[in-house]
């Protein structure tokens, strides 16, 4: 059966009419920022304090776009008679986002939670060489990392949080003990200073009385001679 003349035009007009009655979904970017999902893979932020320079992220990166430099420092013994330790100090942490494929492997393999996804995506450059961002820029993106989702009220407390709270309580107890010891030492020093001042004052008073005593005994002898 041959097609009815004008049927294609009628179908096209029907689609146009249906579309005209629907609400537009155009987002006025950049005047209006889009609402991104919480797990958006925009850019990678670095929490430098947690990085131990274990190099796992650089070794597991499929694109080899992570550059890390470090040096070793000797840490003195924590207690008398202890042994000195050496630790790695981070000198450079850079990511070349012109090579990054946003797979997230570096974030998953990091055992110390030093890398995080940030939804920030406005970091385009006119020169491809400027897409290699150093640790200062990666640290700034940490402020745009969203907070982790809330846990189930009936779930167990994470082991990392319990360990962190235990360490914080231990440090707080050590700080209070040090402050208490310093206060006791200061009170003892003040008491010793007051006692020394009292002894000095008593010695000066006794010396003054001793100097005044011969003059009093010599005066009656002079009066008898007269």
Protein backbone atom coordinates (compact mmCIF):
# COMPACT_ATOMS: atom_id res chain seq x y z
CA UNK A 1 0.00 0.00 0.00
CA UNK A 2 1.55 3.26 -1.03
CA UNK A 3 2.02 5.86 1.75
CA UNK A 4 -0.55 8.56 2.05
CA UNK A 5 0.76 11.80 0.63
CA UNK A 6 1.75 14.21 3.39
CA UNK A 7 1.85 11.58 6.19
CA UNK A 8 5.52 12.31 6.95
CA UNK A 9 4.79 16.00 7.30
CA UNK A 10 1.88 15.26 9.61
CA UNK A 11 4.05 13.07 11.86
CA UNK A 12 6.72 15.77 12.03
CA UNK A 13 4.14 18.41 12.97
CA UNK A 14 2.73 16.08 15.64
CA UNK A 15 6.16 15.69 17.24
CA UNK A 16 6.63 19.46 17.12
CA UNK A 17 3.27 20.09 18.80
CA UNK A 18 3.99 17.55 21.56
CA UNK A 19 7.38 19.11 22.23
CA UNK A 20 5.94 22.62 22.38
CA UNK A 21 3.68 21.66 25.28
CA UNK A 22 6.52 20.21 27.42
CA UNK A 23 8.58 22.17 29.93
CA UNK A 24 12.04 23.17 28.73
CA UNK A 25 15.05 21.48 30.37
CA UNK A 26 17.67 23.98 29.24
CA UNK A 27 20.07 24.93 32.05
CA UNK A 28 21.34 28.50 31.95
CA UNK A 29 24.98 27.63 32.53
CA UNK A 30 27.23 29.38 33.60
CA UNK A 31 24.73 31.84 35.09
CA UNK A 32 23.10 28.96 36.97
CA UNK A 33 25.35 26.23 38.37
CA UNK A 34 24.13 22.68 37.74
CA UNK A 35 23.10 20.43 40.60
CA UNK A 36 25.66 17.65 40.41
CA UNK A 37 25.27 14.21 41.99
CA UNK A 38 27.19 13.75 45.27
CA UNK A 39 29.57 11.20 43.68
CA UNK A 40 30.46 13.32 40.66
CA UNK A 41 33.99 12.67 39.40
CA UNK A 42 35.09 16.20 38.76
CA UNK A 43 38.65 16.51 40.02
CA UNK A 44 40.91 14.83 42.59
CA UNK A 45 41.68 16.61 45.85
CA UNK A 46 44.71 15.90 48.03
CA UNK A 47 44.66 15.79 51.84
CA UNK A 48 48.39 16.23 52.28
CA UNK A 49 48.52 15.41 56.00
CA UNK A 50 47.40 11.82 55.33
CA UNK A 51 49.90 11.14 52.56
CA UNK A 52 52.78 8.86 53.62
CA UNK A 53 54.44 8.76 50.17
CA UNK A 54 53.69 5.03 49.82
CA UNK A 55 53.55 5.52 46.00
CA UNK A 56 50.60 3.13 45.61
CA UNK A 57 48.54 5.68 43.69
CA UNK A 58 51.37 6.41 41.25
CA UNK A 59 52.13 2.72 40.71
CA UNK A 60 48.49 1.72 40.14
CA UNK A 61 47.62 4.64 37.85
CA UNK A 62 46.95 3.23 34.33
CA UNK A 63 48.01 6.51 32.69
CA UNK A 64 51.05 7.25 34.87
CA UNK A 65 49.79 10.80 35.34
CA UNK A 66 50.71 11.13 39.05
CA UNK A 67 54.13 12.57 39.88
CA UNK A 68 55.49 12.25 43.43
CA UNK A 69 58.83 13.40 44.87
CA UNK A 70 59.93 12.98 48.47
CA UNK A 71 62.94 12.82 50.78
CA UNK A 72 63.73 11.08 54.05
CA UNK A 73 64.09 12.81 57.42
CA UNK A 74 65.36 11.40 60.69
CA UNK A 75 62.91 11.64 63.58
CA UNK A 76 64.53 11.76 67.04
CA UNK A 77 63.62 9.14 69.61
CA UNK A 78 60.36 9.77 71.43
CA UNK A 79 61.75 8.54 74.76
CA UNK A 80 65.25 8.52 76.27
CA UNK A 81 67.16 5.48 75.12
CA UNK A 82 64.88 4.97 72.14
CA UNK A 83 65.87 4.54 68.54
CA UNK A 84 65.69 7.19 65.87
CA UNK A 85 63.28 6.64 63.01
CA UNK A 86 63.22 7.81 59.42
CA UNK A 87 60.09 9.00 57.63
CA UNK A 88 59.23 10.12 54.12
CA UNK A 89 58.46 13.80 53.62
CA UNK A 90 56.38 14.82 50.61
CA UNK A 91 58.09 17.33 48.31
CA UNK A 92 55.84 17.19 45.25
CA UNK A 93 52.46 15.69 44.40
CA UNK A 94 51.12 16.57 40.97
CA UNK A 95 48.44 15.15 38.67
CA UNK A 96 48.37 15.70 34.92
CA UNK A 97 44.65 15.97 34.16
CA UNK A 98 45.33 16.03 30.43
CA UNK A 99 46.24 12.33 30.81
CA UNK A 100 43.90 11.37 33.65
CA UNK A 101 41.02 9.10 32.61
CA UNK A 102 39.09 9.65 35.87
CA UNK A 103 38.99 5.97 36.70
CA UNK A 104 39.37 6.59 40.45
CA UNK A 105 41.87 3.76 41.00
CA UNK A 106 44.27 6.08 42.84
CA UNK A 107 41.52 7.03 45.30
CA UNK A 108 40.49 3.42 45.86
CA UNK A 109 44.01 2.06 46.46
CA UNK A 110 45.11 4.86 48.82
CA UNK A 111 45.29 3.15 52.25
CA UNK A 112 45.44 6.40 54.22
CA UNK A 113 42.52 8.38 52.71
CA UNK A 114 44.68 11.09 51.19
CA UNK A 115 42.80 11.40 47.85
CA UNK A 116 39.14 12.36 47.38
CA UNK A 117 36.74 13.09 44.56
CA UNK A 118 35.60 16.69 44.25
CA UNK A 119 32.66 17.74 42.04
CA UNK A 120 34.63 20.77 40.86
CA UNK A 121 34.85 20.72 37.07
CA UNK A 122 35.63 24.30 36.03
CA UNK A 123 39.39 24.03 35.59
CA UNK A 124 39.82 24.17 31.82
CA UNK A 125 42.97 25.80 30.46
CA UNK A 126 44.00 27.27 27.13
CA UNK A 127 47.38 25.55 27.36
CA UNK A 128 47.50 21.79 27.91
CA UNK A 129 50.65 22.17 29.99
CA UNK A 130 48.66 24.09 32.59
CA UNK A 131 46.53 21.01 33.31
CA UNK A 132 49.33 19.56 35.47
CA UNK A 133 48.24 20.74 38.91
CA UNK A 134 50.60 20.71 41.88
CA UNK A 135 49.77 19.82 45.47
CA UNK A 136 48.83 23.40 46.42
CA UNK A 137 46.02 23.41 43.87
CA UNK A 138 45.00 19.86 44.78
CA UNK A 139 44.85 20.96 48.44
CA UNK A 140 42.53 23.85 47.56
CA UNK A 141 40.10 21.42 45.93
CA UNK A 142 39.79 19.56 49.24
CA UNK A 143 37.49 22.37 50.43
CA UNK A 144 35.00 21.45 47.68
CA UNK A 145 34.85 17.75 48.61
CA UNK A 146 31.32 16.97 49.86
CA UNK A 147 30.80 15.46 53.28
CA UNK A 148 30.44 11.67 53.39
CA UNK A 149 26.87 10.34 53.51
CA UNK A 150 25.37 9.68 56.92
CA UNK A 151 25.70 6.18 58.30
CA UNK A 152 22.83 3.92 59.20
CA UNK A 153 21.84 4.69 62.82
CA UNK A 154 22.07 0.98 63.65
CA UNK A 155 25.45 0.48 62.00
CA UNK A 156 28.65 -0.09 63.95
CA UNK A 157 31.09 2.73 64.39
CA UNK A 158 33.87 2.65 61.77
CA UNK A 159 37.17 1.32 63.07
CA UNK A 160 39.00 4.34 61.69
CA UNK A 161 36.76 6.70 63.66
CA UNK A 162 37.18 4.68 66.86
CA UNK A 163 40.96 4.64 66.40
CA UNK A 164 41.02 8.37 65.71
CA UNK A 165 38.88 9.08 68.79
CA UNK A 166 41.14 6.86 70.92
CA UNK A 167 44.23 8.68 69.68
CA UNK A 168 42.59 12.06 70.27
CA UNK A 169 41.61 11.08 73.82
CA UNK A 170 45.15 9.85 74.48
CA UNK A 171 46.65 13.09 73.19
CA UNK A 172 44.18 15.11 75.24
CA UNK A 173 45.08 13.13 78.38
CA UNK A 174 48.79 13.65 77.72
CA UNK A 175 48.20 17.37 77.20
CA UNK A 176 46.22 17.65 80.43
CA UNK A 177 48.90 15.72 82.31
CA UNK A 178 51.61 17.99 80.90
CA UNK A 179 49.61 21.11 81.83
CA UNK A 180 48.98 19.71 85.34
CA UNK A 181 52.66 18.91 85.78
CA UNK A 182 53.65 22.37 84.54
CA UNK A 183 51.17 23.97 86.96
CA UNK A 184 52.53 21.90 89.85
CA UNK A 185 56.10 22.77 88.90
CA UNK A 186 55.21 26.46 88.68
CA UNK A 187 53.46 26.33 92.08
CA UNK A 188 56.48 24.56 93.62
CA UNK A 189 58.86 27.13 92.15
CA UNK A 190 56.69 29.99 93.41
CA UNK A 191 56.48 28.42 96.88
CA UNK A 192 60.27 27.93 96.93
CA UNK A 193 60.78 31.53 95.83
CA UNK A 194 58.43 32.80 98.56
CA UNK A 195 60.18 30.66 101.16
CA UNK A 196 63.57 31.88 100.00
CA UNK A 197 62.35 35.48 100.16
CA UNK A 198 60.99 34.91 103.68
CA UNK A 199 64.30 33.36 104.80
CA UNK A 200 66.23 36.24 103.25
CA UNK A 201 63.99 38.78 104.98
CA UNK A 202 64.39 36.97 108.31
CA UNK A 203 68.17 36.86 107.86
CA UNK A 204 68.28 40.59 107.04
CA UNK A 205 66.14 41.40 110.05
CA UNK A 206 68.34 39.28 112.31
CA UNK A 207 71.47 40.96 110.94
CA UNK A 208 69.93 44.38 111.54
CA UNK A 209 69.10 43.45 115.13
CA UNK A 210 72.63 42.10 115.64
CA UNK A 211 74.13 45.36 114.37
CA UNK A 212 71.89 47.42 116.60
CA UNK A 213 72.59 45.39 119.79
CA UNK A 214 76.29 46.53 120.44
CA UNK A 215 75.33 50.17 120.13
CA UNK A 216 72.67 49.80 122.82
CA UNK A 217 75.10 48.08 125.27
CA UNK A 218 77.85 50.62 124.66
CA UNK A 219 75.66 53.61 125.49
CA UNK A 220 75.26 52.86 129.29
CA UNK A 221 79.06 52.49 129.65
CA UNK A 222 79.56 55.91 128.15
CA UNK A 223 76.95 57.42 130.45
CA UNK A 224 78.70 55.85 133.55
CA UNK A 225 82.04 57.38 132.55
CA UNK A 226 80.51 60.77 132.29
